[in-house]
Protein backbone atom coordinates (compact mmCIF):
# COMPACT_ATOMS: atom_id res chain seq x y z
CA MET A 1 28.90 -37.24 -32.44
CA PHE A 2 28.74 -33.29 -33.71
CA THR A 3 30.27 -31.58 -35.91
CA GLY A 4 30.89 -28.09 -33.80
CA ILE A 5 28.27 -26.15 -36.87
CA VAL A 6 25.46 -24.73 -34.68
CA GLU A 7 21.67 -25.57 -36.47
CA ALA A 8 19.93 -22.95 -34.34
CA LEU A 9 19.36 -20.94 -31.40
CA GLY A 10 17.16 -21.97 -28.74
CA LYS A 11 15.55 -19.82 -25.67
CA VAL A 12 15.39 -21.13 -22.08
CA VAL A 13 11.76 -20.76 -21.18
CA ASN A 14 11.32 -22.93 -18.11
CA ILE A 15 13.81 -24.60 -15.75
CA GLU A 16 12.78 -26.60 -12.97
CA LYS A 17 14.73 -28.31 -10.32
CA ASP A 18 14.22 -32.24 -9.33
CA LYS A 19 16.43 -33.04 -6.71
CA GLY A 20 19.89 -33.00 -8.09
CA ASN A 21 18.51 -33.01 -11.51
CA VAL A 22 17.80 -29.71 -13.50
CA HIS A 23 14.75 -30.02 -16.19
CA ILE A 24 15.44 -27.61 -19.11
CA THR A 25 12.80 -26.51 -21.54
CA ILE A 26 13.64 -24.96 -25.16
CA GLU A 27 11.81 -23.19 -27.95
CA THR A 28 13.43 -23.38 -31.35
CA PRO A 29 12.45 -23.70 -34.72
CA ILE A 30 13.83 -27.06 -34.89
CA ALA A 31 11.69 -28.51 -32.29
CA LYS A 32 9.38 -29.51 -34.82
CA GLU A 33 11.61 -32.12 -36.22
CA LEU A 34 12.73 -33.64 -32.89
CA LYS A 35 11.24 -36.90 -31.49
CA VAL A 36 12.19 -38.09 -27.66
CA ASP A 37 15.47 -39.67 -26.90
CA GLN A 38 17.37 -37.51 -29.67
CA SER A 39 20.98 -36.54 -28.85
CA ILE A 40 21.47 -32.60 -29.49
CA ALA A 41 24.24 -30.34 -27.88
CA HIS A 42 23.44 -27.42 -25.92
CA ASP A 43 26.11 -25.12 -25.63
CA GLY A 44 28.18 -28.02 -26.76
CA VAL A 45 26.72 -30.49 -23.66
CA CYS A 46 25.00 -33.57 -25.46
CA LEU A 47 21.63 -34.20 -23.64
CA THR A 48 18.67 -36.38 -24.53
CA THR A 49 15.23 -34.98 -25.15
CA VAL A 50 12.73 -36.14 -22.69
CA ILE A 51 9.73 -34.22 -23.89
CA VAL A 52 8.95 -32.58 -27.34
CA ASN A 53 5.89 -30.02 -27.91
CA LYS A 54 6.01 -29.51 -31.42
CA ASP A 55 3.09 -27.39 -31.43
CA LYS A 56 4.74 -25.06 -29.01
CA ARG A 57 8.29 -25.50 -30.82
CA GLN A 58 9.23 -26.61 -27.36
CA TYR A 59 11.30 -29.56 -25.85
CA THR A 60 12.62 -30.34 -22.72
CA VAL A 61 16.10 -32.18 -21.31
CA THR A 62 17.79 -33.02 -18.12
CA ALA A 63 20.91 -32.26 -17.00
CA VAL A 64 22.53 -34.21 -13.80
CA GLN A 65 24.83 -33.04 -11.18
CA GLU A 66 27.73 -34.34 -13.04
CA THR A 67 27.15 -32.31 -16.15
CA LEU A 68 25.90 -29.07 -14.13
CA ASP A 69 29.22 -29.20 -12.27
CA ARG A 70 31.18 -29.50 -15.61
CA SER A 71 29.79 -26.86 -17.46
CA ASN A 72 27.80 -23.48 -17.57
CA LEU A 73 24.13 -25.01 -17.74
CA GLY A 74 23.92 -24.76 -13.81
CA PHE A 75 23.86 -20.49 -14.74
CA LEU A 76 21.30 -20.60 -17.32
CA LYS A 77 18.47 -18.51 -16.74
CA ILE A 78 14.83 -17.84 -18.53
CA GLY A 79 15.04 -16.20 -21.47
CA ASP A 80 19.03 -17.15 -21.80
CA GLU A 81 19.90 -18.15 -25.51
CA ILE A 82 21.43 -21.44 -26.09
CA ASN A 83 23.34 -22.75 -29.21
CA LEU A 84 21.99 -26.16 -30.94
CA GLU A 85 23.06 -28.99 -32.60
CA ARG A 86 21.67 -32.08 -33.44
CA CYS A 87 23.75 -35.32 -33.95
CA MET A 88 25.56 -35.47 -36.93
CA LYS A 89 24.74 -37.77 -39.98
CA MET A 90 26.77 -40.59 -41.11
CA ASP A 91 26.30 -40.03 -44.49
CA GLY A 92 26.97 -35.85 -43.99
CA ARG A 93 30.13 -33.76 -44.21
CA LEU A 94 32.04 -33.16 -41.43
CA ASP A 95 32.35 -29.14 -41.74
CA GLY A 96 33.49 -28.46 -38.86
CA HIS A 97 35.60 -30.91 -36.45
CA ILE A 98 34.69 -34.33 -34.34
CA VAL A 99 33.04 -32.87 -31.39
CA GLN A 100 31.94 -35.29 -28.48
CA GLY A 101 29.37 -33.09 -26.79
CA HIS A 102 31.49 -33.87 -23.66
CA VAL A 103 32.54 -30.51 -22.06
CA ASP A 104 35.97 -31.16 -20.76
CA GLN A 105 36.03 -27.78 -18.62
CA THR A 106 34.39 -24.29 -18.41
CA ALA A 107 36.20 -21.27 -18.63
CA LYS A 108 36.21 -17.43 -18.36
CA CYS A 109 35.68 -14.70 -21.23
CA LEU A 110 38.77 -12.04 -20.80
CA THR A 111 37.94 -9.71 -23.98
CA VAL A 112 35.75 -9.07 -26.71
CA GLU A 113 37.56 -7.37 -29.70
CA GLU A 114 35.80 -6.20 -32.65
CA THR A 115 38.54 -6.61 -35.21
CA ASN A 116 37.55 -4.35 -38.41
CA GLY A 117 34.39 -6.77 -39.19
CA SER A 118 35.21 -9.75 -37.18
CA TRP A 119 35.72 -10.37 -33.29
CA LYS A 120 38.27 -11.84 -31.58
CA TYR A 121 37.47 -13.44 -28.13
CA THR A 122 40.02 -14.56 -25.53
CA PHE A 123 39.35 -16.81 -23.03
CA GLU A 124 41.23 -18.28 -19.82
CA TYR A 125 41.03 -21.72 -17.95
CA ASP A 126 42.58 -23.65 -15.56
CA PRO A 127 45.36 -25.67 -16.90
CA ALA A 128 45.69 -27.76 -13.72
CA ILE A 129 43.37 -29.92 -15.47
CA GLY A 130 45.93 -31.08 -17.90
CA ASN A 131 44.23 -29.92 -21.41
CA ILE A 132 46.16 -27.92 -23.68
CA THR A 133 45.58 -25.74 -26.87
CA VAL A 134 47.59 -25.30 -29.63
CA GLU A 135 47.79 -22.58 -32.38
CA LYS A 136 45.89 -23.51 -35.38
CA GLY A 137 44.33 -26.27 -33.27
CA SER A 138 40.65 -26.89 -32.93
CA ILE A 139 38.43 -26.44 -29.96
CA SER A 140 35.08 -26.30 -29.08
CA VAL A 141 33.42 -23.21 -27.16
CA ASN A 142 29.62 -23.53 -26.13
CA GLY A 143 29.66 -26.17 -28.99
CA VAL A 144 30.98 -24.05 -31.78
CA SER A 145 33.76 -25.42 -33.69
CA LEU A 146 36.46 -23.03 -33.94
CA THR A 147 40.07 -22.54 -34.98
CA ILE A 148 42.51 -21.26 -32.05
CA VAL A 149 44.23 -18.12 -32.96
CA ASP A 150 46.81 -17.80 -29.81
CA SER A 151 47.62 -20.27 -27.35
CA GLY A 152 49.11 -19.66 -24.07
CA LYS A 153 49.45 -21.74 -20.99
CA ASN A 154 45.84 -21.18 -19.42
CA PHE A 155 44.67 -19.11 -22.16
CA PHE A 156 43.56 -18.99 -25.78
CA SER A 157 42.07 -16.76 -28.94
CA VAL A 158 39.76 -17.50 -31.36
CA ALA A 159 38.42 -15.11 -34.32
CA ILE A 160 34.21 -14.97 -34.91
CA ILE A 161 32.98 -14.10 -38.25
CA PRO A 162 29.83 -12.04 -38.81
CA PHE A 163 28.14 -15.19 -39.66
CA THR A 164 28.92 -16.87 -36.68
CA TYR A 165 28.27 -13.82 -34.18
CA ASP A 166 24.64 -13.38 -35.37
CA ASN A 167 23.72 -17.14 -35.25
CA THR A 168 25.19 -18.16 -32.37
CA ASN A 169 25.32 -16.80 -28.59
CA PHE A 170 28.37 -15.45 -28.79
CA HIS A 171 27.02 -11.96 -29.37
CA ASN A 172 25.95 -12.30 -25.65
CA PHE A 173 29.67 -12.87 -24.50
CA LYS A 174 31.35 -10.27 -22.23
CA THR A 175 33.87 -10.02 -19.98
CA GLY A 176 33.22 -12.85 -17.46
CA THR A 177 30.79 -14.97 -19.51
CA THR A 178 31.33 -18.43 -18.71
CA VAL A 179 31.53 -20.74 -21.56
CA ASN A 180 31.85 -24.37 -22.25
CA LEU A 181 35.03 -25.92 -23.68
CA GLU A 182 35.39 -29.38 -25.43
CA PHE A 183 39.06 -29.79 -26.50
CA ASP A 184 40.20 -31.14 -29.55
CA VAL A 185 39.87 -35.37 -28.61
CA LEU A 186 42.92 -36.49 -31.06
CA GLY A 187 44.86 -34.12 -29.00
CA LYS A 188 43.60 -35.57 -25.91
CA TYR A 189 44.38 -39.04 -26.74
CA VAL A 190 47.94 -37.81 -27.93
CA SER A 191 48.62 -36.03 -24.46
CA LYS A 192 47.40 -38.72 -22.63
CA LEU A 193 49.44 -41.24 -24.24
CA LEU A 194 52.57 -39.22 -23.78
CA GLN A 195 52.07 -38.83 -20.30
CA ILE A 196 51.39 -42.43 -19.92
CA TYR A 197 54.99 -42.69 -21.60
CA LEU A 198 56.69 -40.48 -19.61
CA ASP A 199 55.46 -42.12 -15.94
CA LYS A 200 57.33 -45.47 -17.56
CA LYS A 201 60.41 -43.61 -17.77
């Protein structure tokens, strides 16, 4: 379980393909606090640490084919920045919203607009999968908990403050960038229950 509040940026330093899996090694200051078998969100994707090298400030995770198919991790290149968040503590504050680390689908960045000290991003996604957004609702974009500004059938926009811009990989986004989306879990359950109800009528 996560909150969508990014702890640190990591840099991809090695990518190794192993049959249908990909081993990703990341360098980050928080590596010195990690241990094997911990859960960490990588651009919103929950992965388990399998190797930790505290001296080099590096650790390795493995992404299976299902994860690569549903997320943007398959597009990662050496040198890319990635948003990192360790799992939440039960005695901590839930500063963002409930994020499971289970990416629902990807989206494309349509526009990046600087708006007098902040940034507005618009993303387009495939609505055929059944996910929806609502204005003022919550969404996780690359693991960042955000509030939706505008909502349409196949797009939404979010506003980013300077701190988020500087401390996440949002500063690397441009038109065409592929991002990970995790829709609000409460909204997903309501939508599913409503569909079940309508199907019975």
